Structures are given as structure tokens and as C-alpha cells.
């Protein structure tokens, strides 16, 4: 009963692979914990955590802005997405419009109307309504042209609101348009 065995057990017993098993022995807990451990990069203070969060958000905003400037559909607002809207932007961006110079002209009119000369003040009264009428007429023609072109090129796409979208873009200063213009002035053949 308590006697010594003459034969010692083999050092590496043969491994029995069970059907459906994982094919390897279960690791010791200490080995599993070692593999699972990663260096802790948590901030020490709340102030530092907010700083890291702000940096991360700023990087994300910069990435979105770059994508929006490029005209990448992934980063555009919902109102700017789709081939019809891209065509409308290109249609407007390839033309010189009165609306894009509206703010510059209105600033000049305000400065002119502040002068003590009577004729300049009269011009300051008469030019704004004429200029606004010209911008509205131009917006109507742009809207009509974009709708017609959208119906020709994209008959299956939804073109709802594309005319107003193009007219509003035509009234913006070219440098401040977002997404940025992808075509140069006069490149009407690239639309």
C-alpha cells in the first residue's frame, strides 16, 4: 500500500485530443493575466482627461473639415450629398454670378451713402433694390438650368430642392462656399 514505485511516470504524458476540443492545454491563470495586461494610459487627473478628449475631438473635426473641403460624400452634410447636388455645385461654381459679388457691392453702396454728396446718397438709395432684383432673377435662371440638367442626367435620382440649393449657393461668396468649389470659373464643360 505505501510502497515505493519502481517505475517513475513519464515526464511528458501523451496529449489526448478530444473531438471538438481546442487542441491545446488551458493556460495557467498567471499566463493569461500576463497576456491580458496592457500598460495603463489613463489620465491622472480630470483636467488631463478633458484635455485629451478635446484634442481627440479637434483632430476629428479637422479630419471632417478636410473631407468636406475635398467634397468627399462621407463627410458632407446630408443636404450636400449625392450626385445631383454635386452637379448643382459644379454648375454654380463654374459661372460668375452677381450674387457672389452682392456683399462687396452692398458694402460699397453703404460707404457711398455715408458721403455728404447728394448724388452718391441717391445712388445708395436706388442701387440696392435693382441689385436685389437682379440677384433674384439670376437665381431663378440658375434654378431652372440646374433642374433641367438634373432631369437630363439623373432621371432616377431625387432632385427635390436642387434648384433652391443652387440659387442659394450662387449668392454665397465663392471663397466662403462649403464644400469648396471643385471646378474653376469657366470650366462649364466639366459639369
Protein backbone atom coordinates (compact mmCIF):
# COMPACT_ATOMS: atom_id res chain seq x y z
CA UNK A 1 0.00 0.00 0.00
CA UNK A 2 2.67 2.56 0.94
CA UNK A 3 5.44 1.18 -1.06
CA UNK A 4 7.71 2.84 -3.45
CA UNK A 5 7.10 2.59 -7.08
CA UNK A 6 9.91 1.25 -9.04
CA UNK A 7 8.85 2.89 -12.23
CA UNK A 8 8.55 6.64 -12.49
CA UNK A 9 5.84 8.29 -14.50
CA UNK A 10 6.90 9.54 -17.91
CA UNK A 11 7.77 13.24 -17.94
CA UNK A 12 5.56 14.25 -20.87
CA UNK A 13 2.40 12.20 -20.94
CA UNK A 14 0.88 11.85 -24.42
CA UNK A 15 -1.69 14.51 -25.16
CA UNK A 16 -5.14 13.26 -25.89
CA UNK A 17 -7.03 15.46 -28.32
CA UNK A 18 -10.74 15.29 -27.74
CA UNK A 19 -13.01 15.70 -30.72
CA UNK A 20 -14.40 19.23 -30.71
CA UNK A 21 -11.71 20.43 -28.27
CA UNK A 22 -9.45 23.42 -28.74
CA UNK A 23 -6.37 21.29 -29.39
CA UNK A 24 -4.14 22.86 -26.74
CA UNK A 25 -3.98 22.85 -22.96
CA UNK A 26 -5.71 25.54 -20.96
CA UNK A 27 -3.18 28.21 -19.99
CA UNK A 28 -2.42 28.90 -16.37
CA UNK A 29 -4.20 31.87 -14.87
CA UNK A 30 -0.96 33.80 -14.37
CA UNK A 31 -0.05 33.39 -18.05
CA UNK A 32 -3.48 34.50 -19.20
CA UNK A 33 -3.35 37.58 -16.95
CA UNK A 34 0.11 38.48 -18.24
CA UNK A 35 -1.11 38.45 -21.83
CA UNK A 36 -4.21 40.43 -20.98
CA UNK A 37 -2.38 43.20 -19.13
CA UNK A 38 -1.68 46.36 -21.08
CA UNK A 39 0.04 49.50 -19.94
CA UNK A 40 -2.38 51.87 -18.31
CA UNK A 41 -2.66 55.11 -20.24
CA UNK A 42 -5.49 56.58 -18.25
CA UNK A 43 -5.04 60.24 -17.36
CA UNK A 44 -4.05 61.05 -13.80
CA UNK A 45 -6.41 63.99 -13.37
CA UNK A 46 -9.78 65.04 -14.65
CA UNK A 47 -8.23 68.12 -16.21
CA UNK A 48 -5.85 65.95 -18.21
CA UNK A 49 -8.73 63.69 -19.31
CA UNK A 50 -10.68 66.69 -20.64
CA UNK A 51 -7.57 67.94 -22.44
CA UNK A 52 -7.12 64.58 -24.17
CA UNK A 53 -10.80 64.47 -25.08
CA UNK A 54 -10.66 67.97 -26.57
CA UNK A 55 -7.55 67.06 -28.58
CA UNK A 56 -9.25 63.95 -29.92
CA UNK A 57 -12.39 65.91 -30.85
CA UNK A 58 -10.32 68.65 -32.51
CA UNK A 59 -8.48 66.06 -34.61
CA UNK A 60 -11.80 64.51 -35.65
CA UNK A 61 -13.23 67.93 -36.58
CA UNK A 62 -10.12 68.72 -38.64
CA UNK A 63 -10.48 65.40 -40.46
CA UNK A 64 -14.15 66.15 -41.19
CA UNK A 65 -13.35 69.66 -42.39
CA UNK A 66 -10.67 68.36 -44.76
CA UNK A 67 -13.11 65.79 -46.12
CA UNK A 68 -15.76 68.46 -46.55
CA UNK A 69 -13.33 70.76 -48.39
CA UNK A 70 -12.44 67.90 -50.75
CA UNK A 71 -16.15 67.25 -51.37
CA UNK A 72 -15.96 63.68 -50.04
CA UNK A 73 -19.57 62.40 -49.70
CA UNK A 74 -18.70 60.62 -46.44
CA UNK A 75 -18.03 63.92 -44.65
CA UNK A 76 -20.66 66.13 -46.28
CA UNK A 77 -23.86 67.22 -44.59
CA UNK A 78 -26.99 65.41 -45.70
CA UNK A 79 -28.16 68.39 -47.75
CA UNK A 80 -24.91 68.32 -49.81
CA UNK A 81 -24.73 64.58 -50.55
CA UNK A 82 -25.43 62.84 -53.81
CA UNK A 83 -24.60 63.19 -57.49
CA UNK A 84 -27.41 65.68 -58.18
CA UNK A 85 -26.16 68.11 -55.52
CA UNK A 86 -22.56 67.70 -56.74
CA UNK A 87 -23.70 68.57 -60.27
CA UNK A 88 -25.59 71.61 -58.93
CA UNK A 89 -22.49 72.80 -57.05
CA UNK A 90 -20.32 72.38 -60.13
CA UNK A 91 -22.92 74.17 -62.28
CA UNK A 92 -22.87 77.21 -59.97
CA UNK A 93 -19.12 77.16 -59.28
CA UNK A 94 -18.24 77.21 -63.00
CA UNK A 95 -20.04 80.56 -63.52
CA UNK A 96 -19.59 84.13 -62.38
CA UNK A 97 -22.74 85.30 -60.65
CA UNK A 98 -23.96 88.68 -59.49
CA UNK A 99 -24.96 87.08 -56.20
CA UNK A 100 -21.40 86.10 -55.34
CA UNK A 101 -20.41 89.79 -55.53
CA UNK A 102 -23.55 91.02 -53.73
CA UNK A 103 -21.88 91.61 -50.35
CA UNK A 104 -18.97 93.53 -51.86
CA UNK A 105 -21.31 95.77 -53.86
CA UNK A 106 -23.61 96.36 -50.88
CA UNK A 107 -20.63 97.34 -48.73
CA UNK A 108 -19.57 99.86 -51.39
CA UNK A 109 -23.14 101.21 -51.55
CA UNK A 110 -23.25 101.70 -47.76
CA UNK A 111 -19.93 103.55 -47.81
CA UNK A 112 -21.16 105.63 -50.75
CA UNK A 113 -24.39 106.52 -48.98
CA UNK A 114 -22.45 107.83 -45.95
CA UNK A 115 -20.75 110.50 -48.02
CA UNK A 116 -22.18 114.06 -47.94
CA UNK A 117 -22.52 114.21 -51.76
CA UNK A 118 -26.18 114.19 -52.80
CA UNK A 119 -25.74 112.11 -55.96
CA UNK A 120 -23.86 109.41 -54.03
CA UNK A 121 -26.67 109.20 -51.48
CA UNK A 122 -29.20 108.91 -54.30
CA UNK A 123 -27.19 106.05 -55.80
CA UNK A 124 -27.15 104.48 -52.33
CA UNK A 125 -30.96 104.53 -52.36
CA UNK A 126 -31.53 103.29 -55.91
CA UNK A 127 -28.87 100.57 -56.36
CA UNK A 128 -29.89 98.06 -53.61
CA UNK A 129 -33.40 97.30 -54.92
CA UNK A 130 -32.13 96.99 -58.50
CA UNK A 131 -29.28 94.77 -57.37
CA UNK A 132 -31.57 92.53 -55.32
CA UNK A 133 -33.97 92.18 -58.25
CA UNK A 134 -31.04 91.20 -60.50
CA UNK A 135 -29.90 88.59 -57.95
CA UNK A 136 -33.41 87.08 -57.69
CA UNK A 137 -33.77 86.89 -61.48
CA UNK A 138 -30.34 85.30 -61.76
CA UNK A 139 -31.26 82.82 -59.02
CA UNK A 140 -34.42 81.90 -60.94
CA UNK A 141 -32.41 81.25 -64.15
CA UNK A 142 -29.81 79.21 -62.30
CA UNK A 143 -32.50 77.18 -60.56
CA UNK A 144 -34.24 76.48 -63.83
CA UNK A 145 -30.99 75.47 -65.57
CA UNK A 146 -29.96 73.11 -62.75
CA UNK A 147 -33.38 71.44 -62.65
CA UNK A 148 -33.32 70.88 -66.41
CA UNK A 149 -29.79 69.47 -66.34
CA UNK A 150 -30.60 67.24 -63.35
CA UNK A 151 -33.66 65.83 -65.15
CA UNK A 152 -31.48 65.03 -68.20
CA UNK A 153 -28.53 63.46 -66.41
CA UNK A 154 -30.14 61.88 -63.35
CA UNK A 155 -33.71 60.90 -64.26
CA UNK A 156 -33.90 58.28 -61.48
CA UNK A 157 -32.43 60.46 -58.70
CA UNK A 158 -34.48 62.67 -56.37
CA UNK A 159 -33.96 66.28 -57.46
CA UNK A 160 -36.28 67.84 -54.91
CA UNK A 161 -34.98 71.23 -53.77
CA UNK A 162 -31.93 71.22 -56.03
CA UNK A 163 -32.95 74.48 -57.75
CA UNK A 164 -33.14 76.43 -54.49
CA UNK A 165 -29.91 74.75 -53.35
CA UNK A 166 -28.11 76.03 -56.47
CA UNK A 167 -29.64 79.52 -56.21
CA UNK A 168 -28.56 79.86 -52.57
CA UNK A 169 -25.03 78.68 -53.42
CA UNK A 170 -24.88 81.28 -56.20
CA UNK A 171 -25.46 84.04 -53.62
CA UNK A 172 -22.50 82.99 -51.46
CA UNK A 173 -19.05 84.50 -51.78
CA UNK A 174 -17.02 81.95 -53.77
CA UNK A 175 -14.19 81.70 -51.22
CA UNK A 176 -16.62 81.01 -48.37
CA UNK A 177 -18.64 78.27 -50.07
CA UNK A 178 -18.75 74.97 -48.27
CA UNK A 179 -17.98 72.40 -49.63
CA UNK A 180 -15.27 74.23 -51.51
CA UNK A 181 -15.66 74.63 -55.29
CA UNK A 182 -14.26 71.64 -57.20
CA UNK A 183 -14.28 73.32 -60.63
CA UNK A 184 -12.69 76.58 -61.73
CA UNK A 185 -14.53 79.54 -63.20
CA UNK A 186 -15.30 78.97 -66.87
CA UNK A 187 -14.97 75.16 -66.75
CA UNK A 188 -18.56 74.60 -67.85
CA UNK A 189 -17.55 71.55 -69.89
CA UNK A 190 -16.57 69.64 -66.70
CA UNK A 191 -20.08 69.70 -65.28
